[in-house]
Structure formats: structure tokens, C-alpha cells
Amino acid sequence: MTTGPPATAGGYSPMAMTLPNNAPTVNESGKLAVRRRILDAVKYVWIGGLSLDDVGPRLSRLILFCAALNAGLHFAASIRTRGLRRSALFFVLGTGLPAAGELLATGPMKLLRHRVHYRIAGVPLAILLGWYAVIHGSFVIAGRISGRLHRGEDTKRVTVPALAALIGVGLDLILDPAGLDIGLWEWNVDGVYAGEVVGPNGHRGVPLVNYLGWISLVGGVTYIYGPGGEDEAGYRLPALFLLPYYLAAVGWALKRRKFGYLLLSAPLPVALYVAIEKG
């Protein structure tokens, strides 16, 4: 009794069907297709989707590069002033708490949508690095001003977070309308503040909840971190690193002839001058 044709040269052998080198290519093609889909999904999430009205990848890369450079300068100055351990703690707080707030705003609350690419779960990496830089710069300025007022450590525990929150809000009074007008993000509801600025989706202004978030995040991070008794001389350089964000927004206000925002954000340059003035 035979089970098939003889295994001659060029003939057929049932054993050949089980050899690894002769495995069907269908499964391999399926695995490659699955891998491509996984990579495409990762790329889709990282870039931030394929919405046609989002900011272009080129501008998104430029924004990410500038944000990373600014955050890196802040971190390097922080290490020089307060050491690696406390600098790392501030970085974790300065990115972690804002990440939670951003995820809440872009997720369950559906208040906000970012239009800059290179984001995870709807939150651009550049935004998180920007949060760290702004919070750190606000903390530095607030600490410098509080030191000039000769406040004790117990008093600084309250005054520094309060001042830092006010400084951060002062910056965002001009920064958020600028970003909204340029199209870096869009609010899903109309806002009371900056009602003449129209976002890409047609909604006007900035909701007041945005500034409650700024107060909570900037004040919260600086309060949790606490005054560390660092050398105040090292505070001057990080304070200056806030200027790129402010000057970019000032350039927008001058170009658009929206001079009122310069007045509303005036406390920031005043606080910056007090922080960097020698005395």
C-alpha cells in the first residue's frame, strides 16, 4: 500500500509539506501585515492623527525642537543650582501634573484639542515640555521676588506658589490667545476671555477654566516642590528663559495690532525685571 507518489527528484513527497523551509508564505504575509498595522498605529498616535486641518509636520517639528531646547536649558540651569535629584523631581512634577490636566481637558472633559503633531493620547510632547519650562521659570521669578521681600521659609511656602501662579497666568493671558489665533490648539466651547479671537473650529475666546487650570497646575507644582533654599543668584538665568515664549506672543500681538494683550500681560515683564535686577 502506498501513501503517495515516490519522492524522486522533482517529484512529490508528503514530508515536504512539514519542512520549515517550505512553510506556506500566507502566514508570513499575514504577520508582516499585522506588524505594518501596529507600526502605522504607533505612528498615527505619535504624529497625532491625520486630520487635514492640523498644523503641518514641518512647523510641528520646529515647535518641538524649540520646546525641547528651552526645557533643556531650564533643566541644565536647575542642575547647576539645586543638583540633579531635586531638578529631576521638579521635572517630573512639572510635566506629570500638567500631563494629567491636559489628558483631562482633551479626554473626558473634551474642552480642548491640540493641533500640533507628535503627541501622545492627544497631548503634544512640545506642550508638556513648555509646561515644565514655564512652571520652572515662574517658580524662579517668584522665589527671587520673595527673597527680595525678605520672607522667611514658612512664608515662602505660601508666597512662592501664589506668585508663581500669578506669573504663569500673566504669561498665558497673551500666550493662549496667540496660540489660538495661530491655530496651535482649539477650544470646543466659547470663552469669555479674548472673545474676538476665533479658533480654527469657529469657537471664540478662551474659557475661564483654562486659567483655573493654570493657577492649579503652576501653584500646585511649586507648592509640592517647596522652597529648597537654593542660591538665589542662580535664579536669574532660568528667569530669562521665559522670554522666548513671551516675545513670540508679543510679536503676534504687534502683528495683529492687539495691543490690549500687551497691557494685560505687563505684570510678567515687570516681575521678570525685578527678578533679574541686581541688588
Foldseek 3Di string as FASTA:
>chain_A
DDDDDDPDVVDDDPVLCVDPVNDDCPVVVVVVVVVVVVVVVVQCQQFPHDDPPFDDQVVLVVLQVLLVVLLVVLLVLCCVWPNDPLSVVLLCLQQVVVVVVVLVCVPPVVFKAFRRTRHHSRHHPSVSSVSSLLLSLLLLLQVLVVVVVVDDQVVCLQRSLQSSLVLSLLLCLLLVLLCQQVARMHTPAAAPRQQVRAGPVGHGDDHPVVSVVSSCSSSVSDNVSGDDPIDSVSSLVSNCSCVVSNVVSVVSCVVVVVCVSCVSSVVNVVSSCSSNDDD
